[in-house]
Amino acid sequence: MKSVITVTGKDTKGIIAKVSTRCADFGANIVDISQSVLQDYFAMMMLVEIDELSISFGDFVDELRLLGEQNGLLIQAMHEDIFNSMHRI
């Protein structure tokens, strides 16, 4: 199973490191990552495998949201099935 993680906010040093470290802390494996900086704004999308999470997916979502709040970012994690259903034509 996979999850799509989006991160947006003001660009600062270490955003990718903080998010990828938190993913690794809970057993999520980054499969793909895309990021860009638009003037002073940071945007990133990650695809992570969540089969080996050490916590429930709901708790993983909450942990990432909390990390975002602590760093002035909006971090959202969505199960791949939900993401695909929302973007199916």
PDB file of N, CA and C in Angstrom:
ATOM      1  N   MET A   1       0.847  -1.179   0.000  1.00  0.00           N
ATOM      2  CA  MET A   1       0.000   0.000   0.000  1.00  0.00           C
ATOM      3  C   MET A   1       0.890   1.239   0.000  1.00  0.00           C
ATOM      4  N   LYS A   2       0.322   2.299  -0.561  1.00  0.00           N
ATOM      5  CA  LYS A   2       1.076   3.542  -0.631  1.00  0.00           C
ATOM      6  C   LYS A   2       0.235   4.699  -0.102  1.00  0.00           C
ATOM      7  N   SER A   3       0.928   5.792   0.198  1.00  0.00           N
ATOM      8  CA  SER A   3       0.290   7.026   0.640  1.00  0.00           C
ATOM      9  C   SER A   3       0.893   8.181  -0.151  1.00  0.00           C
ATOM     10  N   VAL A   4       0.076   9.173  -0.436  1.00  0.00           N
ATOM     11  CA  VAL A   4       0.532  10.398  -1.070  1.00  0.00           C
ATOM     12  C   VAL A   4       0.626  11.456   0.028  1.00  0.00           C
ATOM     13  N   ILE A   5       1.811  12.060   0.158  1.00  0.00           N
ATOM     14  CA  ILE A   5       2.043  13.098   1.159  1.00  0.00           C
ATOM     15  C   ILE A   5       2.315  14.404   0.431  1.00  0.00           C
ATOM     16  N   THR A   6       1.604  15.459   0.832  1.00  0.00           N
ATOM     17  CA  THR A   6       1.861  16.777   0.275  1.00  0.00           C
ATOM     18  C   THR A   6       2.332  17.701   1.391  1.00  0.00           C
ATOM     19  N   VAL A   7       3.269  18.571   1.040  1.00  0.00           N
ATOM     20  CA  VAL A   7       3.833  19.518   1.994  1.00  0.00           C
ATOM     21  C   VAL A   7       3.868  20.883   1.320  1.00  0.00           C
ATOM     22  N   THR A   8       3.278  21.893   1.952  1.00  0.00           N
ATOM     23  CA  THR A   8       3.308  23.249   1.414  1.00  0.00           C
ATOM     24  C   THR A   8       3.573  24.241   2.540  1.00  0.00           C
ATOM     25  N   GLY A   9       4.197  25.348   2.177  1.00  0.00           N
ATOM     26  CA  GLY A   9       4.453  26.400   3.151  1.00  0.00           C
ATOM     27  C   GLY A   9       5.602  27.280   2.716  1.00  0.00           C
ATOM     28  N   LYS A  10       5.989  28.192   3.589  1.00  0.00           N
ATOM     29  CA  LYS A  10       7.137  29.061   3.341  1.00  0.00           C
ATOM     30  C   LYS A  10       8.399  28.208   3.263  1.00  0.00           C
ATOM     31  N   ASP A  11       9.266  28.515   2.326  1.00  0.00           N
ATOM     32  CA  ASP A  11      10.487  27.751   2.165  1.00  0.00           C
ATOM     33  C   ASP A  11      11.469  28.047   3.305  1.00  0.00           C
ATOM     34  N   THR A  12      11.967  27.000   3.913  1.00  0.00           N
ATOM     35  CA  THR A  12      13.010  27.099   4.944  1.00  0.00           C
ATOM     36  C   THR A  12      13.962  25.920   4.759  1.00  0.00           C
ATOM     37  N   LYS A  13      15.113  26.010   5.351  1.00  0.00           N
ATOM     38  CA  LYS A  13      16.088  24.928   5.274  1.00  0.00           C
ATOM     39  C   LYS A  13      15.600  23.701   6.025  1.00  0.00           C
ATOM     40  N   GLY A  14      15.837  22.526   5.439  1.00  0.00           N
ATOM     41  CA  GLY A  14      15.606  21.276   6.146  1.00  0.00           C
ATOM     42  C   GLY A  14      14.225  20.667   6.047  1.00  0.00           C
ATOM     43  N   ILE A  15      13.342  21.215   5.213  1.00  0.00           N
ATOM     44  CA  ILE A  15      11.981  20.658   5.145  1.00  0.00           C
ATOM     45  C   ILE A  15      12.013  19.207   4.679  1.00  0.00           C
ATOM     46  N   ILE A  16      12.723  18.939   3.597  1.00  0.00           N
ATOM     47  CA  ILE A  16      12.770  17.568   3.076  1.00  0.00           C
ATOM     48  C   ILE A  16      13.377  16.629   4.117  1.00  0.00           C
ATOM     49  N   ALA A  17      14.420  17.066   4.776  1.00  0.00           N
ATOM     50  CA  ALA A  17      15.067  16.236   5.799  1.00  0.00           C
ATOM     51  C   ALA A  17      14.116  15.919   6.947  1.00  0.00           C
ATOM     52  N   LYS A  18      13.374  16.916   7.409  1.00  0.00           N
ATOM     53  CA  LYS A  18      12.456  16.696   8.531  1.00  0.00           C
ATOM     54  C   LYS A  18      11.348  15.719   8.171  1.00  0.00           C
ATOM     55  N   VAL A  19      10.762  15.902   6.989  1.00  0.00           N
ATOM     56  CA  VAL A  19       9.644  15.040   6.585  1.00  0.00           C
ATOM     57  C   VAL A  19      10.142  13.622   6.297  1.00  0.00           C
ATOM     58  N   SER A  20      11.263  13.500   5.588  1.00  0.00           N
ATOM     59  CA  SER A  20      11.763  12.162   5.271  1.00  0.00           C
ATOM     60  C   SER A  20      12.228  11.429   6.531  1.00  0.00           C
ATOM     61  N   THR A  21      12.792  12.160   7.487  1.00  0.00           N
ATOM     62  CA  THR A  21      13.196  11.542   8.755  1.00  0.00           C
ATOM     63  C   THR A  21      11.981  11.031   9.513  1.00  0.00           C
ATOM     64  N   ARG A  22      10.920  11.836   9.554  1.00  0.00           N
ATOM     65  CA  ARG A  22       9.705  11.402  10.261  1.00  0.00           C
ATOM     66  C   ARG A  22       9.102  10.178   9.588  1.00  0.00           C
ATOM     67  N   CYS A  23       9.111  10.140   8.262  1.00  0.00           N
ATOM     68  CA  CYS A  23       8.617   8.957   7.549  1.00  0.00           C
ATOM     69  C   CYS A  23       9.440   7.728   7.936  1.00  0.00           C
ATOM     70  N   ALA A  24      10.760   7.856   7.923  1.00  0.00           N
ATOM     71  CA  ALA A  24      11.643   6.737   8.272  1.00  0.00           C
ATOM     72  C   ALA A  24      11.446   6.305   9.718  1.00  0.00           C
ATOM     73  N   ASP A  25      11.205   7.265  10.608  1.00  0.00           N
ATOM     74  CA  ASP A  25      10.983   6.944  12.023  1.00  0.00           C
ATOM     75  C   ASP A  25       9.850   5.945  12.210  1.00  0.00           C
ATOM     76  N   PHE A  26       8.857   6.014  11.337  1.00  0.00           N
ATOM     77  CA  PHE A  26       7.676   5.157  11.478  1.00  0.00           C
ATOM     78  C   PHE A  26       7.616   4.037  10.449  1.00  0.00           C
ATOM     79  N   GLY A  27       8.698   3.839   9.688  1.00  0.00           N
ATOM     80  CA  GLY A  27       8.770   2.701   8.776  1.00  0.00           C
ATOM     81  C   GLY A  27       8.227   2.948   7.384  1.00  0.00           C
ATOM     82  N   ALA A  28       7.921   4.184   7.035  1.00  0.00           N
ATOM     83  CA  ALA A  28       7.454   4.484   5.681  1.00  0.00           C
ATOM     84  C   ALA A  28       8.668   4.612   4.759  1.00  0.00           C
ATOM     85  N   ASN A  29       8.559   4.057   3.568  1.00  0.00           N
ATOM     86  CA  ASN A  29       9.650   4.080   2.606  1.00  0.00           C
ATOM     87  C   ASN A  29       9.294   5.015   1.444  1.00  0.00           C
ATOM     88  N   ILE A  30      10.138   6.004   1.198  1.00  0.00           N
ATOM     89  CA  ILE A  30       9.885   6.960   0.119  1.00  0.00           C
ATOM     90  C   ILE A  30      10.171   6.288  -1.215  1.00  0.00           C
ATOM     91  N   VAL A  31       9.153   6.279  -2.086  1.00  0.00           N
ATOM     92  CA  VAL A  31       9.263   5.673  -3.404  1.00  0.00           C
ATOM     93  C   VAL A  31       9.567   6.729  -4.458  1.00  0.00           C
ATOM     94  N   ASP A  32       8.949   7.897  -4.329  1.00  0.00           N
ATOM     95  CA  ASP A  32       9.140   8.971  -5.298  1.00  0.00           C
ATOM     96  C   ASP A  32       8.919  10.302  -4.598  1.00  0.00           C
ATOM     97  N   ILE A  33       9.604  11.318  -5.077  1.00  0.00           N
ATOM     98  CA  ILE A  33       9.494  12.636  -4.465  1.00  0.00           C
ATOM     99  C   ILE A  33       9.668  13.700  -5.541  1.00  0.00           C
ATOM    100  N   SER A  34       8.854  14.731  -5.431  1.00  0.00           N
ATOM    101  CA  SER A  34       8.960  15.882  -6.326  1.00  0.00           C
ATOM    102  C   SER A  34       8.781  17.124  -5.475  1.00  0.00           C
ATOM    103  N   GLN A  35       9.668  18.103  -5.662  1.00  0.00           N
ATOM    104  CA  GLN A  35       9.553  19.326  -4.876  1.00  0.00           C
ATOM    105  C   GLN A  35       9.939  20.507  -5.745  1.00  0.00           C
ATOM    106  N   SER A  36       9.391  21.652  -5.402  1.00  0.00           N
ATOM    107  CA  SER A  36       9.769  22.877  -6.092  1.00  0.00           C
ATOM    108  C   SER A  36       9.601  24.053  -5.144  1.00  0.00           C
ATOM    109  N   VAL A  37      10.301  25.120  -5.474  1.00  0.00           N
ATOM    110  CA  VAL A  37      10.194  26.357  -4.726  1.00  0.00           C
ATOM    111  C   VAL A  37       9.707  27.415  -5.692  1.00  0.00           C
ATOM    112  N   LEU A  38       8.592  28.051  -5.352  1.00  0.00           N
ATOM    113  CA  LEU A  38       8.003  29.111  -6.166  1.00  0.00           C
ATOM    114  C   LEU A  38       8.157  30.404  -5.384  1.00  0.00           C
ATOM    115  N   GLN A  39       9.128  31.212  -5.781  1.00  0.00           N
ATOM    116  CA  GLN A  39       9.528  32.402  -5.027  1.00  0.00           C
ATOM    117  C   GLN A  39       9.886  31.971  -3.608  1.00  0.00           C
ATOM    118  N   ASP A  40       9.114  32.323  -2.602  1.00  0.00           N
ATOM    119  CA  ASP A  40       9.424  31.945  -1.218  1.00  0.00           C
ATOM    120  C   ASP A  40       8.598  30.772  -0.719  1.00  0.00           C
ATOM    121  N   TYR A  41       7.853  30.104  -1.606  1.00  0.00           N
ATOM    122  CA  TYR A  41       6.946  29.043  -1.189  1.00  0.00           C
ATOM    123  C   TYR A  41       7.450  27.673  -1.622  1.00  0.00           C
ATOM    124  N   PHE A  42       7.352  26.731  -0.707  1.00  0.00           N
ATOM    125  CA  PHE A  42       7.823  25.366  -0.923  1.00  0.00           C
ATOM    126  C   PHE A  42       6.624  24.467  -1.185  1.00  0.00           C
ATOM    127  N   ALA A  43       6.754  23.563  -2.153  1.00  0.00           N
ATOM    128  CA  ALA A  43       5.718  22.573  -2.440  1.00  0.00           C
ATOM    129  C   ALA A  43       6.392  21.237  -2.718  1.00  0.00           C
ATOM    130  N   MET A  44       5.895  20.192  -2.070  1.00  0.00           N
ATOM    131  CA  MET A  44       6.472  18.860  -2.263  1.00  0.00           C
ATOM    132  C   MET A  44       5.366  17.819  -2.281  1.00  0.00           C
ATOM    133  N   MET A  45       5.561  16.815  -3.116  1.00  0.00           N
ATOM    134  CA  MET A  45       4.665  15.669  -3.151  1.00  0.00           C
ATOM    135  C   MET A  45       5.534  14.422  -3.059  1.00  0.00           C
ATOM    136  N   MET A  46       5.143  13.527  -2.173  1.00  0.00           N
ATOM    137  CA  MET A  46       5.894  12.284  -1.974  1.00  0.00           C
ATOM    138  C   MET A  46       4.942  11.098  -2.111  1.00  0.00           C
ATOM    139  N   LEU A  47       5.467  10.019  -2.653  1.00  0.00           N
ATOM    140  CA  LEU A  47       4.759   8.750  -2.664  1.00  0.00           C
ATOM    141  C   LEU A  47       5.550   7.819  -1.763  1.00  0.00           C
ATOM    142  N   VAL A  48       4.898   7.300  -0.719  1.00  0.00           N
ATOM    143  CA  VAL A  48       5.593   6.441   0.236  1.00  0.00           C
ATOM    144  C   VAL A  48       4.872   5.111   0.402  1.00  0.00           C
ATOM    145  N   GLU A  49       5.652   4.053   0.581  1.00  0.00           N
ATOM    146  CA  GLU A  49       5.089   2.741   0.895  1.00  0.00           C
ATOM    147  C   GLU A  49       4.796   2.708   2.389  1.00  0.00           C
ATOM    148  N   ILE A  50       3.624   2.225   2.747  1.00  0.00           N
ATOM    149  CA  ILE A  50       3.213   2.228   4.155  1.00  0.00           C
ATOM    150  C   ILE A  50       2.935   0.827   4.694  1.00  0.00           C
ATOM    151  N   ASP A  51       3.357  -0.199   3.971  1.00  0.00           N
ATOM    152  CA  ASP A  51       3.106  -1.576   4.405  1.00  0.00           C
ATOM    153  C   ASP A  51       3.771  -1.909   5.733  1.00  0.00           C
ATOM    154  N   GLU A  52       4.881  -1.267   6.033  1.00  0.00           N
ATOM    155  CA  GLU A  52       5.636  -1.629   7.236  1.00  0.00           C
ATOM    156  C   GLU A  52       5.604  -0.522   8.297  1.00  0.00           C
ATOM    157  N   LEU A  53       4.538   0.263   8.338  1.00  0.00           N
ATOM    158  CA  LEU A  53       4.420   1.296   9.365  1.00  0.00           C
ATOM    159  C   LEU A  53       4.437   0.661  10.754  1.00  0.00           C
ATOM    160  N   SER A  54       5.107   1.319  11.673  1.00  0.00           N
ATOM    161  CA  SER A  54       5.163   0.831  13.055  1.00  0.00           C
ATOM    162  C   SER A  54       4.000   1.358  13.892  1.00  0.00           C
ATOM    163  N   ILE A  55       3.191   2.249  13.315  1.00  0.00           N
ATOM    164  CA  ILE A  55       1.999   2.795  13.968  1.00  0.00           C
ATOM    165  C   ILE A  55       0.845   2.702  12.980  1.00  0.00           C
ATOM    166  N   SER A  56      -0.363   2.955  13.432  1.00  0.00           N
ATOM    167  CA  SER A  56      -1.507   2.899  12.525  1.00  0.00           C
ATOM    168  C   SER A  56      -1.405   4.026  11.495  1.00  0.00           C
ATOM    169  N   PHE A  57      -2.051   3.856  10.356  1.00  0.00           N
ATOM    170  CA  PHE A  57      -2.012   4.892   9.329  1.00  0.00           C
ATOM    171  C   PHE A  57      -2.607   6.192   9.864  1.00  0.00           C
ATOM    172  N   GLY A  58      -3.675   6.107  10.635  1.00  0.00           N
ATOM    173  CA  GLY A  58      -4.285   7.301  11.220  1.00  0.00           C
ATOM    174  C   GLY A  58      -3.314   8.064  12.109  1.00  0.00           C
ATOM    175  N   ASP A  59      -2.553   7.322  12.914  1.00  0.00           N
ATOM    176  CA  ASP A  59      -1.551   7.965  13.768  1.00  0.00           C
ATOM    177  C   ASP A  59      -0.421   8.566  12.933  1.00  0.00           C
ATOM    178  N   PHE A  60      -0.047   7.904  11.841  1.00  0.00           N
ATOM    179  CA  PHE A  60       0.971   8.418  10.931  1.00  0.00           C
ATOM    180  C   PHE A  60       0.522   9.752  10.338  1.00  0.00           C
ATOM    181  N   VAL A  61      -0.725   9.814   9.904  1.00  0.00           N
ATOM    182  CA  VAL A  61      -1.295  11.060   9.368  1.00  0.00           C
ATOM    183  C   VAL A  61      -1.216  12.162  10.425  1.00  0.00           C
ATOM    184  N   ASP A  62      -1.602  11.835  11.652  1.00  0.00           N
ATOM    185  CA  ASP A  62      -1.576  12.813  12.746  1.00  0.00           C
ATOM    186  C   ASP A  62      -0.154  13.283  13.058  1.00  0.00           C
ATOM    187  N   GLU A  63       0.803  12.377  13.043  1.00  0.00           N
ATOM    188  CA  GLU A  63       2.198  12.727  13.323  1.00  0.00           C
ATOM    189  C   GLU A  63       2.744  13.691  12.267  1.00  0.00           C
ATOM    190  N   LEU A  64       2.408  13.447  11.001  1.00  0.00           N
ATOM    191  CA  LEU A  64       2.865  14.341   9.944  1.00  0.00           C
ATOM    192  C   LEU A  64       2.190  15.707  10.043  1.00  0.00           C
ATOM    193  N   ARG A  65       0.903  15.711  10.359  1.00  0.00           N
ATOM    194  CA  ARG A  65       0.195  16.979  10.532  1.00  0.00           C
ATOM    195  C   ARG A  65       0.825  17.782  11.667  1.00  0.00           C
ATOM    196  N   LEU A  66       1.131  17.118  12.779  1.00  0.00           N
ATOM    197  CA  LEU A  66       1.766  17.766  13.916  1.00  0.00           C
ATOM    198  C   LEU A  66       3.147  18.324  13.536  1.00  0.00           C
ATOM    199  N   LEU A  67       3.925  17.556  12.789  1.00  0.00           N
ATOM    200  CA  LEU A  67       5.219  18.035  12.312  1.00  0.00           C
ATOM    201  C   LEU A  67       5.043  19.314  11.500  1.00  0.00           C
ATOM    202  N   GLY A  68       4.013  19.330  10.662  1.00  0.00           N
ATOM    203  CA  GLY A  68       3.732  20.522   9.878  1.00  0.00           C
ATOM    204  C   GLY A  68       3.395  21.715  10.762  1.00  0.00           C
ATOM    205  N   GLU A  69       2.535  21.508  11.738  1.00  0.00           N
ATOM    206  CA  GLU A  69       2.152  22.592  12.640  1.00  0.00           C
ATOM    207  C   GLU A  69       3.357  23.146  13.388  1.00  0.00           C
ATOM    208  N   GLN A  70       4.262  22.270  13.792  1.00  0.00           N
ATOM    209  CA  GLN A  70       5.452  22.693  14.531  1.00  0.00           C
ATOM    210  C   GLN A  70       6.433  23.480  13.661  1.00  0.00           C
ATOM    211  N   ASN A  71       6.304  23.344  12.339  1.00  0.00           N
ATOM    212  CA  ASN A  71       7.250  23.974  11.421  1.00  0.00           C
ATOM    213  C   ASN A  71       6.601  24.970  10.459  1.00  0.00           C
ATOM    214  N   GLY A  72       5.371  25.365  10.734  1.00  0.00           N
ATOM    215  CA  GLY A  72       4.687  26.338   9.889  1.00  0.00           C
ATOM    216  C   GLY A  72       4.367  25.828   8.494  1.00  0.00           C
ATOM    217  N   LEU A  73       4.084  24.523   8.383  1.00  0.00           N
ATOM    218  CA  LEU A  73       3.792  23.882   7.106  1.00  0.00           C
ATOM    219  C   LEU A  73       2.434  23.194   7.154  1.00  0.00           C
ATOM    220  N   LEU A  74       1.869  22.970   5.999  1.00  0.00           N
ATOM    221  CA  LEU A  74       0.686  22.122   5.891  1.00  0.00           C
ATOM    222  C   LEU A  74       1.152  20.798   5.314  1.00  0.00           C
ATOM    223  N   ILE A  75       1.070  19.741   6.123  1.00  0.00           N
ATOM    224  CA  ILE A  75       1.458  18.405   5.676  1.00  0.00           C
ATOM    225  C   ILE A  75       0.231  17.521   5.748  1.00  0.00           C
ATOM    226  N   GLN A  76      -0.098  16.924   4.601  1.00  0.00           N
ATOM    227  CA  GLN A  76      -1.262  16.039   4.532  1.00  0.00           C
ATOM    228  C   GLN A  76      -0.831  14.702   3.946  1.00  0.00           C
ATOM    229  N   ALA A  77      -1.318  13.633   4.525  1.00  0.00           N
ATOM    230  CA  ALA A  77      -1.071  12.286   4.011  1.00  0.00           C
ATOM    231  C   ALA A  77      -2.407  11.643   3.689  1.00  0.00           C
ATOM    232  N   MET A  78      -2.480  11.058   2.517  1.00  0.00           N
ATOM    233  CA  MET A  78      -3.723  10.443   2.067  1.00  0.00           C
ATOM    234  C   MET A  78      -3.405   9.059   1.505  1.00  0.00           C
ATOM    235  N   HIS A  79      -4.215   8.086   1.879  1.00  0.00           N
ATOM    236  CA  HIS A  79      -4.038   6.735   1.347  1.00  0.00           C
ATOM    237  C   HIS A  79      -4.159   6.792  -0.166  1.00  0.00           C
ATOM    238  N   GLU A  80      -3.324   6.043  -0.867  1.00  0.00           N
ATOM    239  CA  GLU A  80      -3.300   6.053  -2.328  1.00  0.00           C
ATOM    240  C   GLU A  80      -4.672   5.741  -2.937  1.00  0.00           C
ATOM    241  N   ASP A  81      -5.426   4.831  -2.349  1.00  0.00           N
ATOM    242  CA  ASP A  81      -6.744   4.481  -2.886  1.00  0.00           C
ATOM    243  C   ASP A  81      -7.688   5.684  -2.863  1.00  0.00           C
ATOM    244  N   ILE A  82      -7.669   6.448  -1.784  1.00  0.00           N
ATOM    245  CA  ILE A  82      -8.510   7.644  -1.680  1.00  0.00           C
ATOM    246  C   ILE A  82      -8.051   8.681  -2.702  1.00  0.00           C
ATOM    247  N   PHE A  83      -6.744   8.891  -2.782  1.00  0.00           N
ATOM    248  CA  PHE A  83      -6.189   9.858  -3.731  1.00  0.00           C
ATOM    249  C   PHE A  83      -6.609   9.504  -5.157  1.00  0.00           C
ATOM    250  N   ASN A  84      -6.471   8.252  -5.530  1.00  0.00           N
ATOM    251  CA  ASN A  84      -6.844   7.818  -6.885  1.00  0.00           C
ATOM    252  C   ASN A  84      -8.330   7.981  -7.145  1.00  0.00           C
ATOM    253  N   SER A  85      -9.156   7.678  -6.154  1.00  0.00           N
ATOM    254  CA  SER A  85     -10.609   7.831  -6.309  1.00  0.00           C
ATOM    255  C   SER A  85     -10.995   9.297  -6.508  1.00  0.00           C
ATOM    256  N   MET A  86     -10.327  10.183  -5.812  1.00  0.00           N
ATOM    257  CA  MET A  86     -10.635  11.614  -5.921  1.00  0.00           C
ATOM    258  C   MET A  86     -10.224  12.177  -7.279  1.00  0.00           C
ATOM    259  N   HIS A  87      -9.236  11.576  -7.918  1.00  0.00           N
ATOM    260  CA  HIS A  87      -8.693  12.140  -9.154  1.00  0.00           C
ATOM    261  C   HIS A  87      -9.009  11.298 -10.380  1.00  0.00           C
ATOM    262  N   ARG A  88      -9.973  10.425 -10.245  1.00  0.00           N
ATOM    263  CA  ARG A  88     -10.399   9.593 -11.369  1.00  0.00           C
ATOM    264  C   ARG A  88     -11.474  10.339 -12.154  1.00  0.00           C
ATOM    265  N   ILE A  89     -11.331  10.332 -13.460  1.00  0.00           N
ATOM    266  CA  ILE A  89     -12.298  11.036 -14.318  1.00  0.00           C
ATOM    267  C   ILE A  89     -13.410  10.095 -14.699  1.00  0.00           C
TER     268      ILE A  89
END
